[in-house]
PDB file of N, CA and C in Angstrom:
ATOM      1  N   UNK A   1     -34.445 -59.884  14.296  1.00  0.00           N
ATOM      2  CA  UNK A   1     -34.260 -58.468  14.555  1.00  0.00           C
ATOM      3  C   UNK A   1     -33.836 -58.229  15.960  1.00  0.00           C
ATOM      4  N   UNK A   2     -32.718 -57.421  16.128  1.00  0.00           N
ATOM      5  CA  UNK A   2     -32.172 -57.129  17.450  1.00  0.00           C
ATOM      6  C   UNK A   2     -33.016 -56.071  18.121  1.00  0.00           C
ATOM      7  N   UNK A   3     -33.231 -56.259  19.397  1.00  0.00           N
ATOM      8  CA  UNK A   3     -33.901 -55.218  20.145  1.00  0.00           C
ATOM      9  C   UNK A   3     -32.954 -54.226  20.754  1.00  0.00           C
ATOM     10  N   UNK A   4     -33.303 -53.006  20.887  1.00  0.00           N
ATOM     11  CA  UNK A   4     -32.451 -52.013  21.524  1.00  0.00           C
ATOM     12  C   UNK A   4     -32.329 -52.395  22.982  1.00  0.00           C
ATOM     13  N   UNK A   5     -31.158 -52.165  23.571  1.00  0.00           N
ATOM     14  CA  UNK A   5     -31.005 -52.464  25.005  1.00  0.00           C
ATOM     15  C   UNK A   5     -31.956 -51.642  25.846  1.00  0.00           C
ATOM     16  N   UNK A   6     -32.472 -52.290  26.828  1.00  0.00           N
ATOM     17  CA  UNK A   6     -33.434 -51.556  27.766  1.00  0.00           C
ATOM     18  C   UNK A   6     -32.657 -50.776  28.793  1.00  0.00           C
ATOM     19  N   UNK A   7     -33.023 -49.591  29.042  1.00  0.00           N
ATOM     20  CA  UNK A   7     -32.378 -48.783  30.075  1.00  0.00           C
ATOM     21  C   UNK A   7     -33.341 -48.688  31.234  1.00  0.00           C
ATOM     22  N   UNK A   8     -32.815 -48.530  32.427  1.00  0.00           N
ATOM     23  CA  UNK A   8     -33.640 -48.373  33.594  1.00  0.00           C
ATOM     24  C   UNK A   8     -33.550 -46.960  34.125  1.00  0.00           C
ATOM     25  N   UNK A   9     -34.489 -46.490  34.906  1.00  0.00           N
ATOM     26  CA  UNK A   9     -34.454 -45.212  35.481  1.00  0.00           C
ATOM     27  C   UNK A   9     -33.121 -44.835  36.091  1.00  0.00           C
ATOM     28  N   UNK A  10     -32.511 -43.776  35.645  1.00  0.00           N
ATOM     29  CA  UNK A  10     -31.192 -43.367  36.125  1.00  0.00           C
ATOM     30  C   UNK A  10     -30.059 -44.047  35.402  1.00  0.00           C
ATOM     31  N   UNK A  11     -30.407 -44.939  34.447  1.00  0.00           N
ATOM     32  CA  UNK A  11     -29.355 -45.689  33.732  1.00  0.00           C
ATOM     33  C   UNK A  11     -28.816 -44.802  32.586  1.00  0.00           C
ATOM     34  N   UNK A  12     -27.620 -45.217  32.138  1.00  0.00           N
ATOM     35  CA  UNK A  12     -26.963 -44.517  31.072  1.00  0.00           C
ATOM     36  C   UNK A  12     -27.540 -44.926  29.743  1.00  0.00           C
ATOM     37  N   UNK A  13     -27.938 -44.001  28.897  1.00  0.00           N
ATOM     38  CA  UNK A  13     -28.529 -44.266  27.635  1.00  0.00           C
ATOM     39  C   UNK A  13     -27.485 -44.709  26.572  1.00  0.00           C
ATOM     40  N   UNK A  14     -27.911 -45.210  25.468  1.00  0.00           N
ATOM     41  CA  UNK A  14     -27.067 -45.638  24.372  1.00  0.00           C
ATOM     42  C   UNK A  14     -26.405 -44.464  23.707  1.00  0.00           C
ATOM     43  N   UNK A  15     -25.334 -44.799  22.930  1.00  0.00           N
ATOM     44  CA  UNK A  15     -24.592 -43.721  22.206  1.00  0.00           C
ATOM     45  C   UNK A  15     -25.426 -43.305  20.972  1.00  0.00           C
ATOM     46  N   UNK A  16     -25.447 -41.989  20.805  1.00  0.00           N
ATOM     47  CA  UNK A  16     -26.171 -41.356  19.697  1.00  0.00           C
ATOM     48  C   UNK A  16     -25.290 -40.396  18.973  1.00  0.00           C
ATOM     49  N   UNK A  17     -25.559 -40.105  17.692  1.00  0.00           N
ATOM     50  CA  UNK A  17     -24.820 -39.045  17.024  1.00  0.00           C
ATOM     51  C   UNK A  17     -25.097 -37.698  17.604  1.00  0.00           C
ATOM     52  N   UNK A  18     -24.088 -36.881  17.694  1.00  0.00           N
ATOM     53  CA  UNK A  18     -24.226 -35.564  18.302  1.00  0.00           C
ATOM     54  C   UNK A  18     -25.121 -34.687  17.468  1.00  0.00           C
ATOM     55  N   UNK A  19     -25.870 -33.851  18.175  1.00  0.00           N
ATOM     56  CA  UNK A  19     -26.813 -32.916  17.538  1.00  0.00           C
ATOM     57  C   UNK A  19     -26.315 -31.498  17.661  1.00  0.00           C
ATOM     58  N   UNK A  20     -27.003 -30.565  17.059  1.00  0.00           N
ATOM     59  CA  UNK A  20     -26.572 -29.149  17.216  1.00  0.00           C
ATOM     60  C   UNK A  20     -26.708 -28.715  18.637  1.00  0.00           C
ATOM     61  N   UNK A  21     -27.609 -29.233  19.397  1.00  0.00           N
ATOM     62  CA  UNK A  21     -27.788 -28.838  20.814  1.00  0.00           C
ATOM     63  C   UNK A  21     -26.601 -29.404  21.587  1.00  0.00           C
ATOM     64  N   UNK A  22     -26.153 -30.584  21.315  1.00  0.00           N
ATOM     65  CA  UNK A  22     -24.937 -31.139  22.008  1.00  0.00           C
ATOM     66  C   UNK A  22     -23.710 -30.309  21.616  1.00  0.00           C
ATOM     67  N   UNK A  23     -23.590 -29.916  20.381  1.00  0.00           N
ATOM     68  CA  UNK A  23     -22.464 -29.076  19.965  1.00  0.00           C
ATOM     69  C   UNK A  23     -22.479 -27.746  20.712  1.00  0.00           C
ATOM     70  N   UNK A  24     -23.630 -27.160  20.950  1.00  0.00           N
ATOM     71  CA  UNK A  24     -23.753 -25.948  21.742  1.00  0.00           C
ATOM     72  C   UNK A  24     -23.206 -26.116  23.145  1.00  0.00           C
ATOM     73  N   UNK A  25     -23.541 -27.255  23.803  1.00  0.00           N
ATOM     74  CA  UNK A  25     -22.978 -27.574  25.135  1.00  0.00           C
ATOM     75  C   UNK A  25     -21.474 -27.604  25.077  1.00  0.00           C
ATOM     76  N   UNK A  26     -20.922 -28.270  24.039  1.00  0.00           N
ATOM     77  CA  UNK A  26     -19.484 -28.312  23.900  1.00  0.00           C
ATOM     78  C   UNK A  26     -18.854 -26.917  23.671  1.00  0.00           C
ATOM     79  N   UNK A  27     -19.545 -26.148  22.900  1.00  0.00           N
ATOM     80  CA  UNK A  27     -19.009 -24.767  22.662  1.00  0.00           C
ATOM     81  C   UNK A  27     -18.890 -24.004  23.951  1.00  0.00           C
ATOM     82  N   UNK A  28     -19.795 -24.250  24.874  1.00  0.00           N
ATOM     83  CA  UNK A  28     -19.789 -23.548  26.186  1.00  0.00           C
ATOM     84  C   UNK A  28     -18.529 -23.878  27.047  1.00  0.00           C
ATOM     85  N   UNK A  29     -17.980 -25.071  26.864  1.00  0.00           N
ATOM     86  CA  UNK A  29     -16.859 -25.503  27.666  1.00  0.00           C
ATOM     87  C   UNK A  29     -15.547 -25.540  26.840  1.00  0.00           C
ATOM     88  N   UNK A  30     -15.600 -25.158  25.556  1.00  0.00           N
ATOM     89  CA  UNK A  30     -14.435 -25.279  24.668  1.00  0.00           C
ATOM     90  C   UNK A  30     -13.223 -24.587  25.192  1.00  0.00           C
ATOM     91  N   UNK A  31     -13.365 -23.361  25.636  1.00  0.00           N
ATOM     92  CA  UNK A  31     -12.206 -22.572  26.081  1.00  0.00           C
ATOM     93  C   UNK A  31     -11.553 -23.211  27.343  1.00  0.00           C
ATOM     94  N   UNK A  32     -12.323 -23.715  28.258  1.00  0.00           N
ATOM     95  CA  UNK A  32     -11.797 -24.362  29.437  1.00  0.00           C
ATOM     96  C   UNK A  32     -11.033 -25.613  29.048  1.00  0.00           C
ATOM     97  N   UNK A  33     -11.565 -26.404  28.158  1.00  0.00           N
ATOM     98  CA  UNK A  33     -10.870 -27.643  27.699  1.00  0.00           C
ATOM     99  C   UNK A  33      -9.595 -27.305  27.034  1.00  0.00           C
ATOM    100  N   UNK A  34      -9.637 -26.393  26.093  1.00  0.00           N
ATOM    101  CA  UNK A  34      -8.424 -25.974  25.334  1.00  0.00           C
ATOM    102  C   UNK A  34      -7.353 -25.442  26.242  1.00  0.00           C
ATOM    103  N   UNK A  35      -7.694 -24.692  27.298  1.00  0.00           N
ATOM    104  CA  UNK A  35      -6.724 -24.151  28.179  1.00  0.00           C
ATOM    105  C   UNK A  35      -6.037 -25.305  28.984  1.00  0.00           C
ATOM    106  N   UNK A  36      -6.893 -26.282  29.346  1.00  0.00           N
ATOM    107  CA  UNK A  36      -6.315 -27.389  30.165  1.00  0.00           C
ATOM    108  C   UNK A  36      -5.361 -28.276  29.382  1.00  0.00           C
ATOM    109  N   UNK A  37      -5.693 -28.482  28.057  1.00  0.00           N
ATOM    110  CA  UNK A  37      -4.825 -29.399  27.336  1.00  0.00           C
ATOM    111  C   UNK A  37      -3.827 -28.695  26.418  1.00  0.00           C
ATOM    112  N   UNK A  38      -3.966 -27.365  26.322  1.00  0.00           N
ATOM    113  CA  UNK A  38      -2.955 -26.551  25.582  1.00  0.00           C
ATOM    114  C   UNK A  38      -3.116 -26.654  24.080  1.00  0.00           C
ATOM    115  N   UNK A  39      -4.311 -26.917  23.571  1.00  0.00           N
ATOM    116  CA  UNK A  39      -4.572 -26.975  22.081  1.00  0.00           C
ATOM    117  C   UNK A  39      -5.692 -26.037  21.834  1.00  0.00           C
ATOM    118  N   UNK A  40      -5.654 -25.365  20.651  1.00  0.00           N
ATOM    119  CA  UNK A  40      -6.768 -24.493  20.240  1.00  0.00           C
ATOM    120  C   UNK A  40      -7.013 -24.805  18.755  1.00  0.00           C
ATOM    121  N   UNK A  41      -8.086 -25.514  18.506  1.00  0.00           N
ATOM    122  CA  UNK A  41      -8.442 -25.944  17.183  1.00  0.00           C
ATOM    123  C   UNK A  41      -9.907 -26.246  17.114  1.00  0.00           C
ATOM    124  N   UNK A  42     -10.368 -26.837  16.021  1.00  0.00           N
ATOM    125  CA  UNK A  42     -11.729 -27.207  15.823  1.00  0.00           C
ATOM    126  C   UNK A  42     -12.174 -28.186  16.954  1.00  0.00           C
ATOM    127  N   UNK A  43     -13.317 -27.972  17.524  1.00  0.00           N
ATOM    128  CA  UNK A  43     -13.816 -28.691  18.681  1.00  0.00           C
ATOM    129  C   UNK A  43     -15.166 -29.261  18.305  1.00  0.00           C
ATOM    130  N   UNK A  44     -15.226 -30.542  17.821  1.00  0.00           N
ATOM    131  CA  UNK A  44     -16.404 -31.068  17.185  1.00  0.00           C
ATOM    132  C   UNK A  44     -16.954 -32.248  18.028  1.00  0.00           C
ATOM    133  N   UNK A  45     -18.202 -32.110  18.396  1.00  0.00           N
ATOM    134  CA  UNK A  45     -18.946 -33.206  19.095  1.00  0.00           C
ATOM    135  C   UNK A  45     -19.302 -34.238  18.089  1.00  0.00           C
ATOM    136  N   UNK A  46     -18.946 -35.563  18.398  1.00  0.00           N
ATOM    137  CA  UNK A  46     -19.221 -36.608  17.468  1.00  0.00           C
ATOM    138  C   UNK A  46     -20.409 -37.475  17.914  1.00  0.00           C
ATOM    139  N   UNK A  47     -20.343 -37.990  19.134  1.00  0.00           N
ATOM    140  CA  UNK A  47     -21.386 -38.814  19.663  1.00  0.00           C
ATOM    141  C   UNK A  47     -21.620 -38.407  21.137  1.00  0.00           C
ATOM    142  N   UNK A  48     -22.722 -38.848  21.734  1.00  0.00           N
ATOM    143  CA  UNK A  48     -23.019 -38.589  23.143  1.00  0.00           C
ATOM    144  C   UNK A  48     -23.891 -39.671  23.706  1.00  0.00           C
ATOM    145  N   UNK A  49     -23.840 -39.706  25.019  1.00  0.00           N
ATOM    146  CA  UNK A  49     -24.730 -40.572  25.823  1.00  0.00           C
ATOM    147  C   UNK A  49     -25.287 -39.681  26.920  1.00  0.00           C
ATOM    148  N   UNK A  50     -26.420 -39.984  27.421  1.00  0.00           N
ATOM    149  CA  UNK A  50     -26.992 -39.190  28.504  1.00  0.00           C
ATOM    150  C   UNK A  50     -27.556 -40.003  29.619  1.00  0.00           C
ATOM    151  N   UNK A  51     -27.638 -39.411  30.817  1.00  0.00           N
ATOM    152  CA  UNK A  51     -28.135 -40.103  32.012  1.00  0.00           C
ATOM    153  C   UNK A  51     -28.909 -39.104  32.841  1.00  0.00           C
ATOM    154  N   UNK A  52     -30.138 -39.393  33.162  1.00  0.00           N
ATOM    155  CA  UNK A  52     -30.942 -38.499  33.987  1.00  0.00           C
ATOM    156  C   UNK A  52     -30.651 -38.781  35.430  1.00  0.00           C
ATOM    157  N   UNK A  53     -30.135 -37.769  36.135  1.00  0.00           N
ATOM    158  CA  UNK A  53     -29.830 -37.860  37.571  1.00  0.00           C
ATOM    159  C   UNK A  53     -30.482 -36.645  38.160  1.00  0.00           C
ATOM    160  N   UNK A  54     -29.833 -35.802  38.913  1.00  0.00           N
ATOM    161  CA  UNK A  54     -30.407 -34.547  39.395  1.00  0.00           C
ATOM    162  C   UNK A  54     -30.162 -33.518  38.301  1.00  0.00           C
ATOM    163  N   UNK A  55     -30.790 -33.713  37.198  1.00  0.00           N
ATOM    164  CA  UNK A  55     -30.547 -32.971  35.970  1.00  0.00           C
ATOM    165  C   UNK A  55     -30.253 -34.040  34.896  1.00  0.00           C
ATOM    166  N   UNK A  56     -29.518 -33.639  33.836  1.00  0.00           N
ATOM    167  CA  UNK A  56     -29.137 -34.603  32.812  1.00  0.00           C
ATOM    168  C   UNK A  56     -27.604 -34.565  32.709  1.00  0.00           C
ATOM    169  N   UNK A  57     -26.945 -35.693  32.789  1.00  0.00           N
ATOM    170  CA  UNK A  57     -25.552 -35.790  32.596  1.00  0.00           C
ATOM    171  C   UNK A  57     -25.284 -36.202  31.161  1.00  0.00           C
ATOM    172  N   UNK A  58     -24.483 -35.432  30.440  1.00  0.00           N
ATOM    173  CA  UNK A  58     -24.085 -35.746  29.123  1.00  0.00           C
ATOM    174  C   UNK A  58     -22.666 -36.200  29.078  1.00  0.00           C
ATOM    175  N   UNK A  59     -22.372 -37.333  28.396  1.00  0.00           N
ATOM    176  CA  UNK A  59     -21.052 -37.836  28.183  1.00  0.00           C
ATOM    177  C   UNK A  59     -20.785 -37.692  26.685  1.00  0.00           C
ATOM    178  N   UNK A  60     -19.928 -36.787  26.321  1.00  0.00           N
ATOM    179  CA  UNK A  60     -19.799 -36.413  24.899  1.00  0.00           C
ATOM    180  C   UNK A  60     -18.384 -36.747  24.367  1.00  0.00           C
ATOM    181  N   UNK A  61     -18.312 -37.424  23.217  1.00  0.00           N
ATOM    182  CA  UNK A  61     -17.087 -37.695  22.557  1.00  0.00           C
ATOM    183  C   UNK A  61     -16.804 -36.536  21.629  1.00  0.00           C
ATOM    184  N   UNK A  62     -15.627 -35.900  21.796  1.00  0.00           N
ATOM    185  CA  UNK A  62     -15.275 -34.679  21.058  1.00  0.00           C
ATOM    186  C   UNK A  62     -13.933 -34.863  20.396  1.00  0.00           C
ATOM    187  N   UNK A  63     -13.833 -34.346  19.163  1.00  0.00           N
ATOM    188  CA  UNK A  63     -12.554 -34.332  18.478  1.00  0.00           C
ATOM    189  C   UNK A  63     -11.973 -32.947  18.576  1.00  0.00           C
ATOM    190  N   UNK A  64     -10.724 -32.815  19.026  1.00  0.00           N
ATOM    191  CA  UNK A  64     -10.029 -31.558  19.096  1.00  0.00           C
ATOM    192  C   UNK A  64      -8.631 -31.860  18.503  1.00  0.00           C
ATOM    193  N   UNK A  65      -8.408 -31.271  17.293  1.00  0.00           N
ATOM    194  CA  UNK A  65      -7.236 -31.492  16.485  1.00  0.00           C
ATOM    195  C   UNK A  65      -7.120 -33.032  16.229  1.00  0.00           C
ATOM    196  N   UNK A  66      -6.111 -33.633  16.711  1.00  0.00           N
ATOM    197  CA  UNK A  66      -5.901 -35.078  16.496  1.00  0.00           C
ATOM    198  C   UNK A  66      -6.207 -35.932  17.728  1.00  0.00           C
ATOM    199  N   UNK A  67      -6.930 -35.321  18.671  1.00  0.00           N
ATOM    200  CA  UNK A  67      -7.178 -35.949  19.971  1.00  0.00           C
ATOM    201  C   UNK A  67      -8.701 -36.234  20.088  1.00  0.00           C
ATOM    202  N   UNK A  68      -9.036 -37.387  20.571  1.00  0.00           N
ATOM    203  CA  UNK A  68     -10.445 -37.732  20.899  1.00  0.00           C
ATOM    204  C   UNK A  68     -10.631 -37.558  22.388  1.00  0.00           C
ATOM    205  N   UNK A  69     -11.521 -36.737  22.833  1.00  0.00           N
ATOM    206  CA  UNK A  69     -11.733 -36.422  24.232  1.00  0.00           C
ATOM    207  C   UNK A  69     -13.136 -36.949  24.682  1.00  0.00           C
ATOM    208  N   UNK A  70     -13.219 -37.300  25.942  1.00  0.00           N
ATOM    209  CA  UNK A  70     -14.540 -37.574  26.518  1.00  0.00           C
ATOM    210  C   UNK A  70     -14.829 -36.387  27.486  1.00  0.00           C
ATOM    211  N   UNK A  71     -15.867 -35.641  27.176  1.00  0.00           N
ATOM    212  CA  UNK A  71     -16.313 -34.489  27.936  1.00  0.00           C
ATOM    213  C   UNK A  71     -17.583 -34.812  28.653  1.00  0.00           C
ATOM    214  N   UNK A  72     -17.582 -34.544  29.975  1.00  0.00           N
ATOM    215  CA  UNK A  72     -18.822 -34.740  30.769  1.00  0.00           C
ATOM    216  C   UNK A  72     -19.402 -33.420  31.129  1.00  0.00           C
ATOM    217  N   UNK A  73     -20.749 -33.311  31.048  1.00  0.00           N
ATOM    218  CA  UNK A  73     -21.402 -32.056  31.276  1.00  0.00           C
ATOM    219  C   UNK A  73     -22.705 -32.301  32.052  1.00  0.00           C
ATOM    220  N   UNK A  74     -22.907 -31.666  33.165  1.00  0.00           N
ATOM    221  CA  UNK A  74     -24.136 -31.808  33.919  1.00  0.00           C
ATOM    222  C   UNK A  74     -25.071 -30.595  33.630  1.00  0.00           C
ATOM    223  N   UNK A  75     -26.177 -30.907  33.114  1.00  0.00           N
ATOM    224  CA  UNK A  75     -27.198 -29.876  32.772  1.00  0.00           C
ATOM    225  C   UNK A  75     -28.157 -29.940  33.930  1.00  0.00           C
ATOM    226  N   UNK A  76     -28.027 -28.974  34.863  1.00  0.00           N
ATOM    227  CA  UNK A  76     -28.880 -29.030  36.104  1.00  0.00           C
ATOM    228  C   UNK A  76     -30.336 -28.596  35.814  1.00  0.00           C
ATOM    229  N   UNK A  77     -31.223 -29.183  36.636  1.00  0.00           N
ATOM    230  CA  UNK A  77     -32.648 -28.821  36.481  1.00  0.00           C
ATOM    231  C   UNK A  77     -32.960 -27.700  37.438  1.00  0.00           C
TER     232      UNK A  77
END
């Protein structure tokens, strides 16, 4: 049986399926991302990783039309 990789304090966590909370974070930045890349379509969070720093840093894989994007979001404490 394989063990899950150990993370250390401040380390980047493993990839997880996106949740409704992660999708809400993506919805908050959707308009900015669409404006920067010039596409306006479905904006769906697929997976994410997180890292606790001075808050929580989320690294989210998002599908927009036919593009896969990596979106970073800092949730400050």
